[in-house]
Amino acid sequence: MAFAPLIFMAASAAVAAYGQIQQGKVASANYKSQEQADIYNATVSTQNAQQAGMLASSHELAQRANQAQQLGNIRAGLAESGGGESGTNAGVLNQSEVNMELDALTTRYQGVLGARSYNAAAGQDYYQAKVAKANAGPARQAGYWGAASSLLKGGSQMYNYNSGGSGYT
């Protein structure tokens, strides 16, 4: 019967060590999974940035076509009224052209900002993926070190028990 406590101590140390190894594996797998999720998010953000740029270009071109039509209508109205494109009419026409150009440039700029925002998000996601990848290996190693610690603690308890101590250190 003197060996029963030793068997339980050894079994306890082995189970604790196994648990530590499994925890390390799970933590490592979680970090690897997080890495893949971050890479996916970065890829989506990069695609969104490209789409935002293309959409902004498309809106700008459509806006410029619409503005050209509006300017044509203004010029036709001026010609029809007999005022021509001189004097005050020229000033109004020039100001309309300037305002329309500013509107088109604002549309382009908003697209650039949207794309930049998506690219920044992609950069952050790629960084998080690298961090998760860097943490995966140490998490697994921590499990093995925890297992070694559990085994050493169990061995120490068994030694102390055999030496006449309480069995716990």
N, C-alpha and C. Protein backbone atom coordinates (compact mmCIF):
# COMPACT_ATOMS: atom_id res chain seq x y z
N MET A 1 0.80 -1.20 0.00
CA MET A 1 0.00 0.00 0.00
C MET A 1 0.84 1.26 0.00
N ALA A 2 2.10 1.15 0.30
CA ALA A 2 2.95 2.33 0.34
C ALA A 2 3.16 2.91 -1.04
N PHE A 3 2.96 2.10 -2.05
CA PHE A 3 3.17 2.59 -3.42
C PHE A 3 1.94 3.30 -3.98
N ALA A 4 0.78 3.10 -3.38
CA ALA A 4 -0.45 3.71 -3.89
C ALA A 4 -0.35 5.23 -3.96
N PRO A 5 0.11 5.91 -2.90
CA PRO A 5 0.23 7.37 -3.01
C PRO A 5 1.22 7.78 -4.11
N LEU A 6 2.30 7.00 -4.27
CA LEU A 6 3.27 7.31 -5.30
C LEU A 6 2.66 7.17 -6.70
N ILE A 7 1.85 6.15 -6.87
CA ILE A 7 1.17 5.94 -8.15
C ILE A 7 0.24 7.10 -8.45
N PHE A 8 -0.50 7.53 -7.44
CA PHE A 8 -1.41 8.66 -7.63
C PHE A 8 -0.64 9.94 -7.92
N MET A 9 0.48 10.14 -7.25
CA MET A 9 1.30 11.32 -7.51
C MET A 9 1.86 11.30 -8.93
N ALA A 10 2.33 10.14 -9.35
CA ALA A 10 2.87 10.01 -10.71
C ALA A 10 1.76 10.22 -11.74
N ALA A 11 0.60 9.63 -11.50
CA ALA A 11 -0.53 9.79 -12.43
C ALA A 11 -0.97 11.24 -12.48
N SER A 12 -1.02 11.90 -11.33
CA SER A 12 -1.41 13.31 -11.27
C SER A 12 -0.43 14.17 -12.06
N ALA A 13 0.86 13.91 -11.89
CA ALA A 13 1.88 14.67 -12.62
C ALA A 13 1.76 14.43 -14.12
N ALA A 14 1.51 13.16 -14.50
CA ALA A 14 1.38 12.83 -15.93
C ALA A 14 0.15 13.51 -16.53
N VAL A 15 -0.97 13.49 -15.83
CA VAL A 15 -2.19 14.13 -16.33
C VAL A 15 -1.99 15.64 -16.42
N ALA A 16 -1.36 16.23 -15.42
CA ALA A 16 -1.09 17.67 -15.44
C ALA A 16 -0.18 18.02 -16.62
N ALA A 17 0.83 17.20 -16.85
CA ALA A 17 1.75 17.44 -17.97
C ALA A 17 1.02 17.34 -19.29
N TYR A 18 0.20 16.31 -19.42
CA TYR A 18 -0.58 16.14 -20.65
C TYR A 18 -1.50 17.35 -20.87
N GLY A 19 -2.14 17.81 -19.81
CA GLY A 19 -3.02 18.98 -19.90
C GLY A 19 -2.26 20.22 -20.34
N GLN A 20 -1.04 20.39 -19.84
CA GLN A 20 -0.23 21.54 -20.23
C GLN A 20 0.13 21.47 -21.72
N ILE A 21 0.48 20.29 -22.19
CA ILE A 21 0.81 20.12 -23.61
C ILE A 21 -0.40 20.44 -24.47
N GLN A 22 -1.56 19.94 -24.06
CA GLN A 22 -2.78 20.20 -24.84
C GLN A 22 -3.13 21.68 -24.84
N GLN A 23 -2.96 22.34 -23.71
CA GLN A 23 -3.22 23.78 -23.65
C GLN A 23 -2.30 24.54 -24.61
N GLY A 24 -1.06 24.13 -24.65
CA GLY A 24 -0.11 24.76 -25.57
C GLY A 24 -0.49 24.54 -27.02
N LYS A 25 -0.94 23.33 -27.33
CA LYS A 25 -1.36 23.03 -28.70
C LYS A 25 -2.60 23.85 -29.08
N VAL A 26 -3.55 23.94 -28.16
CA VAL A 26 -4.77 24.70 -28.43
C VAL A 26 -4.44 26.18 -28.61
N ALA A 27 -3.60 26.72 -27.74
CA ALA A 27 -3.23 28.13 -27.87
C ALA A 27 -2.52 28.38 -29.19
N SER A 28 -1.63 27.48 -29.56
CA SER A 28 -0.92 27.62 -30.83
C SER A 28 -1.90 27.56 -32.00
N ALA A 29 -2.82 26.63 -31.96
CA ALA A 29 -3.83 26.51 -33.03
C ALA A 29 -4.70 27.75 -33.10
N ASN A 30 -5.04 28.31 -31.94
CA ASN A 30 -5.84 29.55 -31.93
C ASN A 30 -5.09 30.70 -32.58
N TYR A 31 -3.80 30.81 -32.29
CA TYR A 31 -2.99 31.87 -32.91
C TYR A 31 -2.90 31.66 -34.42
N LYS A 32 -2.74 30.42 -34.84
CA LYS A 32 -2.67 30.15 -36.28
C LYS A 32 -4.00 30.46 -36.96
N SER A 33 -5.08 30.13 -36.29
CA SER A 33 -6.41 30.45 -36.83
C SER A 33 -6.60 31.96 -36.92
N GLN A 34 -6.15 32.67 -35.89
CA GLN A 34 -6.26 34.13 -35.90
C GLN A 34 -5.43 34.71 -37.03
N GLU A 35 -4.26 34.13 -37.26
CA GLU A 35 -3.41 34.59 -38.37
C GLU A 35 -4.16 34.46 -39.69
N GLN A 36 -4.80 33.33 -39.92
CA GLN A 36 -5.53 33.12 -41.17
C GLN A 36 -6.71 34.08 -41.29
N ALA A 37 -7.41 34.33 -40.19
CA ALA A 37 -8.53 35.27 -40.21
C ALA A 37 -8.04 36.68 -40.53
N ASP A 38 -6.91 37.06 -39.95
CA ASP A 38 -6.36 38.40 -40.22
C ASP A 38 -5.91 38.53 -41.66
N ILE A 39 -5.32 37.49 -42.21
CA ILE A 39 -4.91 37.53 -43.62
C ILE A 39 -6.14 37.65 -44.52
N TYR A 40 -7.20 36.91 -44.19
CA TYR A 40 -8.43 37.01 -44.97
C TYR A 40 -8.98 38.43 -44.90
N ASN A 41 -9.05 39.00 -43.70
CA ASN A 41 -9.56 40.37 -43.54
C ASN A 41 -8.72 41.37 -44.31
N ALA A 42 -7.41 41.18 -44.30
CA ALA A 42 -6.52 42.08 -45.04
C ALA A 42 -6.76 41.97 -46.53
N THR A 43 -6.98 40.75 -47.01
CA THR A 43 -7.25 40.54 -48.43
C THR A 43 -8.56 41.23 -48.83
N VAL A 44 -9.58 41.09 -48.00
CA VAL A 44 -10.87 41.73 -48.28
C VAL A 44 -10.71 43.25 -48.28
N SER A 45 -9.97 43.78 -47.32
CA SER A 45 -9.76 45.23 -47.26
C SER A 45 -9.00 45.72 -48.48
N THR A 46 -8.02 44.96 -48.94
CA THR A 46 -7.27 45.33 -50.14
C THR A 46 -8.20 45.34 -51.35
N GLN A 47 -9.05 44.34 -51.46
CA GLN A 47 -10.02 44.30 -52.56
C GLN A 47 -10.99 45.47 -52.47
N ASN A 48 -11.44 45.79 -51.25
CA ASN A 48 -12.33 46.94 -51.07
C ASN A 48 -11.66 48.24 -51.46
N ALA A 49 -10.37 48.36 -51.18
CA ALA A 49 -9.62 49.56 -51.57
C ALA A 49 -9.59 49.69 -53.09
N GLN A 50 -9.35 48.58 -53.77
CA GLN A 50 -9.33 48.61 -55.23
C GLN A 50 -10.70 48.98 -55.78
N GLN A 51 -11.74 48.41 -55.21
CA GLN A 51 -13.09 48.72 -55.67
C GLN A 51 -13.46 50.17 -55.40
N ALA A 52 -13.04 50.68 -54.24
CA ALA A 52 -13.33 52.08 -53.92
C ALA A 52 -12.66 53.00 -54.93
N GLY A 53 -11.42 52.68 -55.31
CA GLY A 53 -10.73 53.49 -56.32
C GLY A 53 -11.41 53.43 -57.67
N MET A 54 -11.80 52.23 -58.08
CA MET A 54 -12.48 52.09 -59.38
C MET A 54 -13.85 52.77 -59.37
N LEU A 55 -14.57 52.64 -58.27
CA LEU A 55 -15.88 53.26 -58.16
C LEU A 55 -15.76 54.78 -58.19
N ALA A 56 -14.77 55.31 -57.49
CA ALA A 56 -14.56 56.76 -57.48
C ALA A 56 -14.23 57.26 -58.89
N SER A 57 -13.40 56.52 -59.62
CA SER A 57 -13.07 56.91 -61.00
C SER A 57 -14.32 56.88 -61.87
N SER A 58 -15.12 55.85 -61.69
CA SER A 58 -16.36 55.75 -62.46
C SER A 58 -17.30 56.90 -62.15
N HIS A 59 -17.45 57.23 -60.87
CA HIS A 59 -18.32 58.35 -60.48
C HIS A 59 -17.78 59.67 -61.02
N GLU A 60 -16.47 59.82 -60.97
CA GLU A 60 -15.88 61.05 -61.49
C GLU A 60 -16.14 61.19 -62.99
N LEU A 61 -15.95 60.11 -63.74
CA LEU A 61 -16.19 60.16 -65.19
C LEU A 61 -17.66 60.45 -65.50
N ALA A 62 -18.56 59.81 -64.76
CA ALA A 62 -19.99 60.06 -64.96
C ALA A 62 -20.34 61.50 -64.62
N GLN A 63 -19.73 62.00 -63.56
CA GLN A 63 -19.99 63.37 -63.15
C GLN A 63 -19.47 64.35 -64.20
N ARG A 64 -18.30 64.08 -64.74
CA ARG A 64 -17.74 64.96 -65.77
C ARG A 64 -18.61 64.92 -67.05
N ALA A 65 -19.13 63.76 -67.41
CA ALA A 65 -20.00 63.68 -68.58
C ALA A 65 -21.28 64.48 -68.35
N ASN A 66 -21.84 64.34 -67.16
CA ASN A 66 -23.05 65.10 -66.82
C ASN A 66 -22.76 66.60 -66.83
N GLN A 67 -21.62 66.98 -66.30
CA GLN A 67 -21.25 68.40 -66.26
C GLN A 67 -21.04 68.96 -67.67
N ALA A 68 -20.44 68.16 -68.54
CA ALA A 68 -20.24 68.61 -69.92
C ALA A 68 -21.60 68.86 -70.59
N GLN A 69 -22.55 67.99 -70.30
CA GLN A 69 -23.89 68.17 -70.86
C GLN A 69 -24.53 69.44 -70.29
N GLN A 70 -24.36 69.66 -68.98
CA GLN A 70 -24.92 70.86 -68.37
C GLN A 70 -24.30 72.13 -68.97
N LEU A 71 -22.98 72.11 -69.16
CA LEU A 71 -22.31 73.27 -69.76
C LEU A 71 -22.80 73.49 -71.19
N GLY A 72 -23.01 72.42 -71.91
CA GLY A 72 -23.56 72.54 -73.27
C GLY A 72 -24.93 73.17 -73.25
N ASN A 73 -25.76 72.77 -72.28
CA ASN A 73 -27.10 73.36 -72.17
C ASN A 73 -27.01 74.84 -71.81
N ILE A 74 -26.07 75.20 -70.93
CA ILE A 74 -25.90 76.60 -70.55
C ILE A 74 -25.47 77.42 -71.78
N ARG A 75 -24.48 76.89 -72.52
CA ARG A 75 -24.00 77.59 -73.71
C ARG A 75 -25.12 77.74 -74.75
N ALA A 76 -25.91 76.69 -74.93
CA ALA A 76 -27.02 76.75 -75.89
C ALA A 76 -28.05 77.79 -75.46
N GLY A 77 -28.32 77.83 -74.14
CA GLY A 77 -29.26 78.83 -73.63
C GLY A 77 -28.74 80.24 -73.83
N LEU A 78 -27.44 80.42 -73.61
CA LEU A 78 -26.86 81.76 -73.80
C LEU A 78 -26.92 82.16 -75.28
N ALA A 79 -26.61 81.22 -76.16
CA ALA A 79 -26.64 81.52 -77.60
C ALA A 79 -28.06 81.80 -78.05
N GLU A 80 -29.01 81.05 -77.50
CA GLU A 80 -30.40 81.22 -77.87
C GLU A 80 -30.94 82.57 -77.42
N SER A 81 -30.46 83.02 -76.26
CA SER A 81 -30.94 84.31 -75.74
C SER A 81 -30.25 85.47 -76.42
N GLY A 82 -29.21 85.17 -77.19
CA GLY A 82 -28.51 86.22 -77.92
C GLY A 82 -27.44 86.90 -77.09
N GLY A 83 -27.22 86.42 -75.86
CA GLY A 83 -26.24 87.06 -74.99
C GLY A 83 -24.82 86.64 -75.29
N GLY A 84 -24.64 85.46 -75.84
CA GLY A 84 -23.31 84.97 -76.14
C GLY A 84 -22.53 84.66 -74.88
N GLU A 85 -21.23 84.49 -75.06
CA GLU A 85 -20.36 84.12 -73.94
C GLU A 85 -19.43 85.27 -73.60
N SER A 86 -19.97 86.45 -73.45
CA SER A 86 -19.16 87.61 -73.10
C SER A 86 -19.76 88.28 -71.88
N GLY A 87 -18.96 89.16 -71.26
CA GLY A 87 -19.44 89.93 -70.12
C GLY A 87 -19.82 89.07 -68.95
N THR A 88 -20.98 89.37 -68.38
CA THR A 88 -21.49 88.66 -67.21
C THR A 88 -21.73 87.19 -67.54
N ASN A 89 -22.22 86.94 -68.73
CA ASN A 89 -22.47 85.55 -69.13
C ASN A 89 -21.18 84.73 -69.09
N ALA A 90 -20.10 85.33 -69.54
CA ALA A 90 -18.81 84.63 -69.52
C ALA A 90 -18.38 84.34 -68.09
N GLY A 91 -18.62 85.30 -67.19
CA GLY A 91 -18.27 85.10 -65.78
C GLY A 91 -19.07 83.98 -65.15
N VAL A 92 -20.37 83.94 -65.44
CA VAL A 92 -21.24 82.88 -64.91
C VAL A 92 -20.82 81.53 -65.47
N LEU A 93 -20.54 81.49 -66.77
CA LEU A 93 -20.11 80.25 -67.40
C LEU A 93 -18.78 79.78 -66.81
N ASN A 94 -17.85 80.70 -66.65
CA ASN A 94 -16.54 80.35 -66.08
C ASN A 94 -16.69 79.84 -64.65
N GLN A 95 -17.53 80.50 -63.85
CA GLN A 95 -17.73 80.06 -62.47
C GLN A 95 -18.38 78.69 -62.42
N SER A 96 -19.32 78.43 -63.33
CA SER A 96 -19.96 77.11 -63.40
C SER A 96 -18.92 76.04 -63.72
N GLU A 97 -18.02 76.33 -64.66
CA GLU A 97 -16.97 75.37 -65.02
C GLU A 97 -16.05 75.09 -63.82
N VAL A 98 -15.70 76.15 -63.11
CA VAL A 98 -14.83 75.99 -61.92
C VAL A 98 -15.53 75.13 -60.87
N ASN A 99 -16.79 75.44 -60.60
CA ASN A 99 -17.54 74.67 -59.58
C ASN A 99 -17.68 73.20 -59.98
N MET A 100 -17.92 72.97 -61.25
CA MET A 100 -18.06 71.60 -61.72
C MET A 100 -16.74 70.84 -61.60
N GLU A 101 -15.64 71.51 -61.92
CA GLU A 101 -14.33 70.87 -61.79
C GLU A 101 -14.03 70.54 -60.32
N LEU A 102 -14.37 71.47 -59.44
CA LEU A 102 -14.17 71.21 -58.01
C LEU A 102 -15.01 70.03 -57.54
N ASP A 103 -16.24 69.93 -58.03
CA ASP A 103 -17.09 68.79 -57.67
C ASP A 103 -16.47 67.47 -58.14
N ALA A 104 -15.95 67.45 -59.37
CA ALA A 104 -15.33 66.24 -59.91
C ALA A 104 -14.09 65.87 -59.11
N LEU A 105 -13.28 66.87 -58.76
CA LEU A 105 -12.07 66.60 -57.97
C LEU A 105 -12.41 66.13 -56.56
N THR A 106 -13.48 66.67 -56.00
CA THR A 106 -13.92 66.23 -54.67
C THR A 106 -14.35 64.77 -54.72
N THR A 107 -15.05 64.39 -55.78
CA THR A 107 -15.46 63.00 -55.94
C THR A 107 -14.23 62.09 -56.01
N ARG A 108 -13.23 62.50 -56.77
CA ARG A 108 -12.00 61.71 -56.88
C ARG A 108 -11.31 61.62 -55.52
N TYR A 109 -11.22 62.74 -54.82
CA TYR A 109 -10.53 62.78 -53.52
C TYR A 109 -11.23 61.88 -52.50
N GLN A 110 -12.55 61.89 -52.49
CA GLN A 110 -13.28 61.02 -51.57
C GLN A 110 -12.98 59.55 -51.86
N GLY A 111 -12.84 59.20 -53.13
CA GLY A 111 -12.48 57.83 -53.49
C GLY A 111 -11.08 57.48 -53.03
N VAL A 112 -10.16 58.43 -53.17
CA VAL A 112 -8.78 58.20 -52.72
C VAL A 112 -8.76 58.00 -51.21
N LEU A 113 -9.51 58.81 -50.48
CA LEU A 113 -9.56 58.65 -49.03
C LEU A 113 -10.18 57.32 -48.62
N GLY A 114 -11.24 56.91 -49.32
CA GLY A 114 -11.85 55.62 -49.02
C GLY A 114 -10.89 54.47 -49.27
N ALA A 115 -10.18 54.53 -50.40
CA ALA A 115 -9.20 53.48 -50.71
C ALA A 115 -8.08 53.48 -49.68
N ARG A 116 -7.63 54.65 -49.29
CA ARG A 116 -6.56 54.75 -48.29
C ARG A 116 -7.01 54.15 -46.96
N SER A 117 -8.25 54.37 -46.59
CA SER A 117 -8.77 53.82 -45.34
C SER A 117 -8.77 52.29 -45.39
N TYR A 118 -9.21 51.74 -46.51
CA TYR A 118 -9.21 50.28 -46.67
C TYR A 118 -7.77 49.74 -46.65
N ASN A 119 -6.86 50.43 -47.30
CA ASN A 119 -5.47 49.99 -47.31
C ASN A 119 -4.85 50.03 -45.91
N ALA A 120 -5.23 51.05 -45.13
CA ALA A 120 -4.74 51.12 -43.75
C ALA A 120 -5.27 49.95 -42.93
N ALA A 121 -6.54 49.61 -43.14
CA ALA A 121 -7.13 48.46 -42.43
C ALA A 121 -6.41 47.18 -42.84
N ALA A 122 -6.10 47.06 -44.12
CA ALA A 122 -5.38 45.87 -44.59
C ALA A 122 -4.01 45.78 -43.94
N GLY A 123 -3.32 46.91 -43.86
CA GLY A 123 -2.01 46.93 -43.21
C GLY A 123 -2.08 46.50 -41.76
N GLN A 124 -3.11 46.96 -41.06
CA GLN A 124 -3.29 46.58 -39.65
C GLN A 124 -3.58 45.08 -39.54
N ASP A 125 -4.40 44.57 -40.44
CA ASP A 125 -4.71 43.14 -40.41
C ASP A 125 -3.48 42.29 -40.71
N TYR A 126 -2.66 42.73 -41.67
CA TYR A 126 -1.43 41.98 -41.96
C TYR A 126 -0.49 41.99 -40.75
N TYR A 127 -0.43 43.13 -40.08
CA TYR A 127 0.40 43.22 -38.87
C TYR A 127 -0.11 42.26 -37.80
N GLN A 128 -1.43 42.25 -37.57
CA GLN A 128 -2.02 41.35 -36.58
C GLN A 128 -1.75 39.88 -36.94
N ALA A 129 -1.77 39.58 -38.23
CA ALA A 129 -1.47 38.21 -38.67
C ALA A 129 -0.04 37.84 -38.31
N LYS A 130 0.89 38.77 -38.50
CA LYS A 130 2.29 38.50 -38.16
C LYS A 130 2.45 38.29 -36.66
N VAL A 131 1.74 39.09 -35.88
CA VAL A 131 1.80 38.94 -34.42
C VAL A 131 1.26 37.58 -34.00
N ALA A 132 0.13 37.19 -34.57
CA ALA A 132 -0.45 35.89 -34.23
C ALA A 132 0.49 34.76 -34.63
N LYS A 133 1.10 34.87 -35.80
CA LYS A 133 2.04 33.85 -36.24
C LYS A 133 3.24 33.78 -35.30
N ALA A 134 3.71 34.93 -34.86
CA ALA A 134 4.85 34.96 -33.95
C ALA A 134 4.50 34.36 -32.58
N ASN A 135 3.24 34.46 -32.17
CA ASN A 135 2.82 33.93 -30.87
C ASN A 135 2.52 32.44 -30.89
N ALA A 136 2.30 31.88 -32.07
CA ALA A 136 1.91 30.46 -32.16
C ALA A 136 3.00 29.54 -31.62
N GLY A 137 4.24 29.74 -32.04
CA GLY A 137 5.34 28.87 -31.60
C GLY A 137 5.59 28.96 -30.10
N PRO A 138 5.72 30.17 -29.55
CA PRO A 138 5.92 30.28 -28.11
C PRO A 138 4.77 29.70 -27.28
N ALA A 139 3.56 29.77 -27.80
CA ALA A 139 2.42 29.18 -27.06
C ALA A 139 2.59 27.67 -26.96
N ARG A 140 3.01 27.05 -28.04
CA ARG A 140 3.25 25.61 -28.03
C ARG A 140 4.40 25.29 -27.07
N GLN A 141 5.48 26.06 -27.14
CA GLN A 141 6.62 25.83 -26.25
C GLN A 141 6.22 26.01 -24.79
N ALA A 142 5.37 26.99 -24.52
CA ALA A 142 4.93 27.21 -23.14
C ALA A 142 4.20 25.97 -22.62
N GLY A 143 3.45 25.30 -23.49
CA GLY A 143 2.78 24.06 -23.08
C GLY A 143 3.78 23.00 -22.69
N TYR A 144 4.86 22.87 -23.47
CA TYR A 144 5.88 21.86 -23.14
C TYR A 144 6.62 22.23 -21.86
N TRP A 145 6.92 23.50 -21.69
CA TRP A 145 7.58 23.93 -20.44
C TRP A 145 6.67 23.70 -19.25
N GLY A 146 5.38 23.97 -19.41
CA GLY A 146 4.42 23.71 -18.34
C GLY A 146 4.35 22.23 -18.01
N ALA A 147 4.41 21.38 -19.06
CA ALA A 147 4.41 19.93 -18.85
C ALA A 147 5.65 19.51 -18.07
N ALA A 148 6.80 20.03 -18.46
CA ALA A 148 8.04 19.70 -17.75
C ALA A 148 7.96 20.14 -16.30
N SER A 149 7.39 21.30 -16.08
CA SER A 149 7.23 21.80 -14.71
C SER A 149 6.32 20.88 -13.89
N SER A 150 5.24 20.42 -14.51
CA SER A 150 4.32 19.51 -13.80
C SER A 150 5.01 18.19 -13.46
N LEU A 151 5.79 17.69 -14.39
CA LEU A 151 6.50 16.43 -14.13
C LEU A 151 7.55 16.60 -13.03
N LEU A 152 8.27 17.71 -13.06
CA LEU A 152 9.27 17.97 -12.02
C LEU A 152 8.61 18.14 -10.66
N LYS A 153 7.48 18.84 -10.64
CA LYS A 153 6.77 19.02 -9.38
C LYS A 153 6.29 17.66 -8.85
N GLY A 154 5.76 16.84 -9.75
CA GLY A 154 5.32 15.50 -9.33
C GLY A 154 6.48 14.67 -8.82
N GLY A 155 7.62 14.73 -9.51
CA GLY A 155 8.81 14.00 -9.06
C GLY A 155 9.27 14.48 -7.70
N SER A 156 9.21 15.79 -7.51
CA SER A 156 9.62 16.36 -6.22
C SER A 156 8.69 15.89 -5.11
N GLN A 157 7.41 15.85 -5.38
CA GLN A 157 6.44 15.39 -4.39
C GLN A 157 6.67 13.91 -4.05
N MET A 158 6.97 13.13 -5.07
CA MET A 158 7.23 11.70 -4.83
C MET A 158 8.50 11.53 -4.02
N TYR A 159 9.53 12.29 -4.34
CA TYR A 159 10.79 12.20 -3.60
C TYR A 159 10.55 12.60 -2.15
N ASN A 160 9.85 13.70 -1.96
CA ASN A 160 9.57 14.18 -0.61
C ASN A 160 8.74 13.17 0.17
N TYR A 161 7.79 12.53 -0.48
CA TYR A 161 6.98 11.51 0.17
C TYR A 161 7.83 10.32 0.59
N ASN A 162 8.73 9.88 -0.31
CA ASN A 162 9.62 8.75 0.00
C ASN A 162 10.61 9.11 1.11
N SER A 163 10.91 10.38 1.24
CA SER A 163 11.87 10.82 2.25
C SER A 163 11.22 11.02 3.61
N GLY A 164 9.92 10.78 3.67
CA GLY A 164 9.23 10.92 4.95
C GLY A 164 8.56 12.26 5.12
N GLY A 165 8.52 13.06 4.10
CA GLY A 165 7.87 14.36 4.18
C GLY A 165 6.37 14.22 3.98
N SER A 166 5.72 15.35 3.77
CA SER A 166 4.26 15.35 3.64
C SER A 166 3.80 14.91 2.25
N GLY A 167 4.71 14.95 1.29
CA GLY A 167 4.33 14.56 -0.07
C GLY A 167 4.04 15.76 -0.95
N TYR A 168 4.00 16.95 -0.36
CA TYR A 168 3.71 18.16 -1.15
C TYR A 168 4.78 19.20 -0.89
N THR A 169 5.20 19.85 -1.98
CA THR A 169 6.20 20.91 -1.84
C THR A 169 5.62 22.22 -2.25
